[in-house]
């Protein structure tokens, strides 16, 4: 079973903005200082789940994880698929860097629960009310 990463989507507040940027070729490589020790598990079908405005809203499949350089100057490059998959909203507090996300803890894809297109404010209100 693949392992996932979760990361704050800094500078992007809406899924539509991320979709526009990925269609132009932006945001397809994530640069981090630390290389995940469990990279092989992530490359085996994992995704990066993006946190926007306090909740997980979408994910992008991971294609490749490579480390460039050595020692203190090393840098990890995570190559992502341009496919942005919307997920059911899941509240998350801010954190630095990235975290591992086990599949059992990951929110389901909207297409798999057939929730349809909901406006962000309605989805957030449903989540806050405990209805979703």
C-alpha atoms as a PDB file:
ATOM      1  CA  UNK A   1       0.000   0.000   0.000  1.00  0.00           C
ATOM      2  CA  UNK A   2       1.464   3.383  -0.963  1.00  0.00           C
ATOM      3  CA  UNK A   3       2.461   6.010   1.552  1.00  0.00           C
ATOM      4  CA  UNK A   4       1.515   9.658   1.044  1.00  0.00           C
ATOM      5  CA  UNK A   5       2.894  13.056   2.014  1.00  0.00           C
ATOM      6  CA  UNK A   6       0.923  16.039   3.285  1.00  0.00           C
ATOM      7  CA  UNK A   7       2.160  19.595   2.774  1.00  0.00           C
ATOM      8  CA  UNK A   8       0.895  23.162   3.085  1.00  0.00           C
ATOM      9  CA  UNK A   9       0.137  24.717  -0.293  1.00  0.00           C
ATOM     10  CA  UNK A  10       1.719  28.109   0.412  1.00  0.00           C
ATOM     11  CA  UNK A  11       0.622  30.908  -1.901  1.00  0.00           C
ATOM     12  CA  UNK A  12      -2.378  29.030  -3.300  1.00  0.00           C
ATOM     13  CA  UNK A  13      -5.797  29.429  -1.673  1.00  0.00           C
ATOM     14  CA  UNK A  14      -8.039  27.558  -4.136  1.00  0.00           C
ATOM     15  CA  UNK A  15      -7.863  24.286  -6.008  1.00  0.00           C
ATOM     16  CA  UNK A  16      -8.737  26.103  -9.234  1.00  0.00           C
ATOM     17  CA  UNK A  17      -5.564  28.198  -8.917  1.00  0.00           C
ATOM     18  CA  UNK A  18      -3.453  25.059  -8.482  1.00  0.00           C
ATOM     19  CA  UNK A  19      -5.157  23.447 -11.497  1.00  0.00           C
ATOM     20  CA  UNK A  20      -4.392  26.529 -13.626  1.00  0.00           C
ATOM     21  CA  UNK A  21      -0.760  26.566 -12.533  1.00  0.00           C
ATOM     22  CA  UNK A  22      -0.211  22.857 -13.163  1.00  0.00           C
ATOM     23  CA  UNK A  23      -1.760  23.143 -16.626  1.00  0.00           C
ATOM     24  CA  UNK A  24       0.944  25.735 -17.401  1.00  0.00           C
ATOM     25  CA  UNK A  25       3.666  23.401 -16.108  1.00  0.00           C
ATOM     26  CA  UNK A  26       4.150  25.158 -12.755  1.00  0.00           C
ATOM     27  CA  UNK A  27       4.062  23.321  -9.415  1.00  0.00           C
ATOM     28  CA  UNK A  28       5.102  20.018 -10.969  1.00  0.00           C
ATOM     29  CA  UNK A  29       8.291  19.841  -8.893  1.00  0.00           C
ATOM     30  CA  UNK A  30       8.310  20.387  -5.148  1.00  0.00           C
ATOM     31  CA  UNK A  31      11.666  21.327  -3.614  1.00  0.00           C
ATOM     32  CA  UNK A  32      12.355  20.358  -0.008  1.00  0.00           C
ATOM     33  CA  UNK A  33      15.479  20.286   2.114  1.00  0.00           C
ATOM     34  CA  UNK A  34      14.947  16.806   3.536  1.00  0.00           C
ATOM     35  CA  UNK A  35      14.514  13.658   1.443  1.00  0.00           C
ATOM     36  CA  UNK A  36      11.832  11.299   2.780  1.00  0.00           C
ATOM     37  CA  UNK A  37      13.442   8.159   4.214  1.00  0.00           C
ATOM     38  CA  UNK A  38      10.446   6.184   2.966  1.00  0.00           C
ATOM     39  CA  UNK A  39      10.714   7.522  -0.605  1.00  0.00           C
ATOM     40  CA  UNK A  40      10.320   4.090  -2.211  1.00  0.00           C
ATOM     41  CA  UNK A  41       6.913   3.646  -0.540  1.00  0.00           C
ATOM     42  CA  UNK A  42       5.796   7.090  -1.716  1.00  0.00           C
ATOM     43  CA  UNK A  43       6.956   6.468  -5.306  1.00  0.00           C
ATOM     44  CA  UNK A  44       4.891   3.252  -5.286  1.00  0.00           C
ATOM     45  CA  UNK A  45       1.603   5.081  -5.959  1.00  0.00           C
ATOM     46  CA  UNK A  46       1.687   7.794  -3.277  1.00  0.00           C
ATOM     47  CA  UNK A  47       0.493  11.387  -3.551  1.00  0.00           C
ATOM     48  CA  UNK A  48       1.078  14.769  -1.980  1.00  0.00           C
ATOM     49  CA  UNK A  49      -2.065  15.951  -0.218  1.00  0.00           C
ATOM     50  CA  UNK A  50      -2.274  19.744  -0.240  1.00  0.00           C
ATOM     51  CA  UNK A  51      -3.546  21.780   2.721  1.00  0.00           C
ATOM     52  CA  UNK A  52      -5.179  25.057   1.641  1.00  0.00           C
ATOM     53  CA  UNK A  53      -6.706  27.496   4.121  1.00  0.00           C
ATOM     54  CA  UNK A  54      -6.793  25.002   6.966  1.00  0.00           C
ATOM     55  CA  UNK A  55      -8.065  21.899   5.181  1.00  0.00           C
ATOM     56  CA  UNK A  56      -6.875  19.203   2.801  1.00  0.00           C
ATOM     57  CA  UNK A  57      -8.587  19.904  -0.507  1.00  0.00           C
ATOM     58  CA  UNK A  58      -6.736  17.953  -3.194  1.00  0.00           C
ATOM     59  CA  UNK A  59      -3.846  15.660  -3.992  1.00  0.00           C
ATOM     60  CA  UNK A  60      -1.313  15.197  -6.776  1.00  0.00           C
ATOM     61  CA  UNK A  61       0.289  11.795  -7.522  1.00  0.00           C
ATOM     62  CA  UNK A  62       4.066  11.549  -6.955  1.00  0.00           C
ATOM     63  CA  UNK A  63       6.047  10.357  -9.975  1.00  0.00           C
ATOM     64  CA  UNK A  64       9.642  10.555  -8.719  1.00  0.00           C
ATOM     65  CA  UNK A  65      11.745  11.575  -5.722  1.00  0.00           C
ATOM     66  CA  UNK A  66      15.404  12.478  -6.245  1.00  0.00           C
ATOM     67  CA  UNK A  67      18.100  14.032  -4.088  1.00  0.00           C
ATOM     68  CA  UNK A  68      20.539  16.515  -5.609  1.00  0.00           C
ATOM     69  CA  UNK A  69      23.809  17.414  -3.909  1.00  0.00           C
ATOM     70  CA  UNK A  70      25.359  16.099  -0.714  1.00  0.00           C
ATOM     71  CA  UNK A  71      25.510  17.114   2.922  1.00  0.00           C
ATOM     72  CA  UNK A  72      24.149  20.486   3.966  1.00  0.00           C
ATOM     73  CA  UNK A  73      23.679  21.614   0.373  1.00  0.00           C
ATOM     74  CA  UNK A  74      21.518  18.653  -0.638  1.00  0.00           C
ATOM     75  CA  UNK A  75      18.000  19.276  -1.918  1.00  0.00           C
ATOM     76  CA  UNK A  76      15.110  16.904  -2.582  1.00  0.00           C
ATOM     77  CA  UNK A  77      13.036  17.278  -5.738  1.00  0.00           C
ATOM     78  CA  UNK A  78       9.611  15.608  -5.775  1.00  0.00           C
ATOM     79  CA  UNK A  79       8.174  15.361  -9.286  1.00  0.00           C
ATOM     80  CA  UNK A  80       4.373  15.392  -9.432  1.00  0.00           C
ATOM     81  CA  UNK A  81       1.806  14.377 -12.019  1.00  0.00           C
ATOM     82  CA  UNK A  82      -0.128  17.339 -13.459  1.00  0.00           C
ATOM     83  CA  UNK A  83      -3.372  15.623 -12.395  1.00  0.00           C
ATOM     84  CA  UNK A  84      -5.048  17.457  -9.497  1.00  0.00           C
ATOM     85  CA  UNK A  85      -7.505  15.141  -7.731  1.00  0.00           C
ATOM     86  CA  UNK A  86     -10.021  16.844  -5.443  1.00  0.00           C
ATOM     87  CA  UNK A  87     -10.577  15.237  -2.049  1.00  0.00           C
ATOM     88  CA  UNK A  88     -13.189  15.507   0.657  1.00  0.00           C
ATOM     89  CA  UNK A  89     -12.228  18.432   2.914  1.00  0.00           C
ATOM     90  CA  UNK A  90     -10.309  17.422   6.033  1.00  0.00           C
ATOM     91  CA  UNK A  91      -9.272  20.005   8.643  1.00  0.00           C
ATOM     92  CA  UNK A  92      -5.538  20.377   9.340  1.00  0.00           C
ATOM     93  CA  UNK A  93      -3.598  22.742  11.546  1.00  0.00           C
ATOM     94  CA  UNK A  94      -0.573  24.548  10.118  1.00  0.00           C
ATOM     95  CA  UNK A  95       2.791  22.777  10.254  1.00  0.00           C
ATOM     96  CA  UNK A  96       6.228  23.220   8.744  1.00  0.00           C
ATOM     97  CA  UNK A  97       7.640  21.100   5.962  1.00  0.00           C
ATOM     98  CA  UNK A  98       5.870  17.863   5.057  1.00  0.00           C
ATOM     99  CA  UNK A  99       4.542  14.898   6.999  1.00  0.00           C
ATOM    100  CA  UNK A 100       3.884  11.275   6.131  1.00  0.00           C
ATOM    101  CA  UNK A 101       0.202  10.437   5.644  1.00  0.00           C
ATOM    102  CA  UNK A 102      -0.918   6.837   6.002  1.00  0.00           C
ATOM    103  CA  UNK A 103      -3.587   5.726   3.489  1.00  0.00           C
ATOM    104  CA  UNK A 104      -6.076   5.025   6.313  1.00  0.00           C
ATOM    105  CA  UNK A 105      -5.800   8.686   7.423  1.00  0.00           C
ATOM    106  CA  UNK A 106      -6.058  10.206   3.935  1.00  0.00           C
ATOM    107  CA  UNK A 107      -9.348  11.841   2.911  1.00  0.00           C
ATOM    108  CA  UNK A 108     -11.250  10.067   0.119  1.00  0.00           C
ATOM    109  CA  UNK A 109     -11.318  11.450  -3.399  1.00  0.00           C
ATOM    110  CA  UNK A 110     -14.501  13.361  -4.206  1.00  0.00           C
ATOM    111  CA  UNK A 111     -15.005  11.204  -7.306  1.00  0.00           C
ATOM    112  CA  UNK A 112     -15.004   8.079  -5.119  1.00  0.00           C
ATOM    113  CA  UNK A 113     -17.704   9.415  -2.788  1.00  0.00           C
ATOM    114  CA  UNK A 114     -19.634  11.130  -5.595  1.00  0.00           C
ATOM    115  CA  UNK A 115     -20.068  14.354  -3.652  1.00  0.00           C
ATOM    116  CA  UNK A 116     -20.055  16.461  -6.804  1.00  0.00           C
ATOM    117  CA  UNK A 117     -18.800  20.013  -7.020  1.00  0.00           C
ATOM    118  CA  UNK A 118     -19.406  21.961  -3.829  1.00  0.00           C
ATOM    119  CA  UNK A 119     -18.355  25.549  -3.300  1.00  0.00           C
ATOM    120  CA  UNK A 120     -15.470  25.827  -0.822  1.00  0.00           C
ATOM    121  CA  UNK A 121     -17.506  27.837   1.683  1.00  0.00           C
ATOM    122  CA  UNK A 122     -20.324  25.258   1.667  1.00  0.00           C
ATOM    123  CA  UNK A 123     -17.897  22.357   2.066  1.00  0.00           C
ATOM    124  CA  UNK A 124     -16.195  24.157   4.980  1.00  0.00           C
ATOM    125  CA  UNK A 125     -19.575  24.874   6.629  1.00  0.00           C
ATOM    126  CA  UNK A 126     -20.604  21.217   6.307  1.00  0.00           C
ATOM    127  CA  UNK A 127     -17.266  20.091   7.770  1.00  0.00           C
ATOM    128  CA  UNK A 128     -17.509  22.573  10.654  1.00  0.00           C
ATOM    129  CA  UNK A 129     -21.052  21.402  11.406  1.00  0.00           C
ATOM    130  CA  UNK A 130     -19.845  17.794  11.503  1.00  0.00           C
ATOM    131  CA  UNK A 131     -22.045  16.776   8.590  1.00  0.00           C
ATOM    132  CA  UNK A 132     -19.115  15.807   6.388  1.00  0.00           C
END
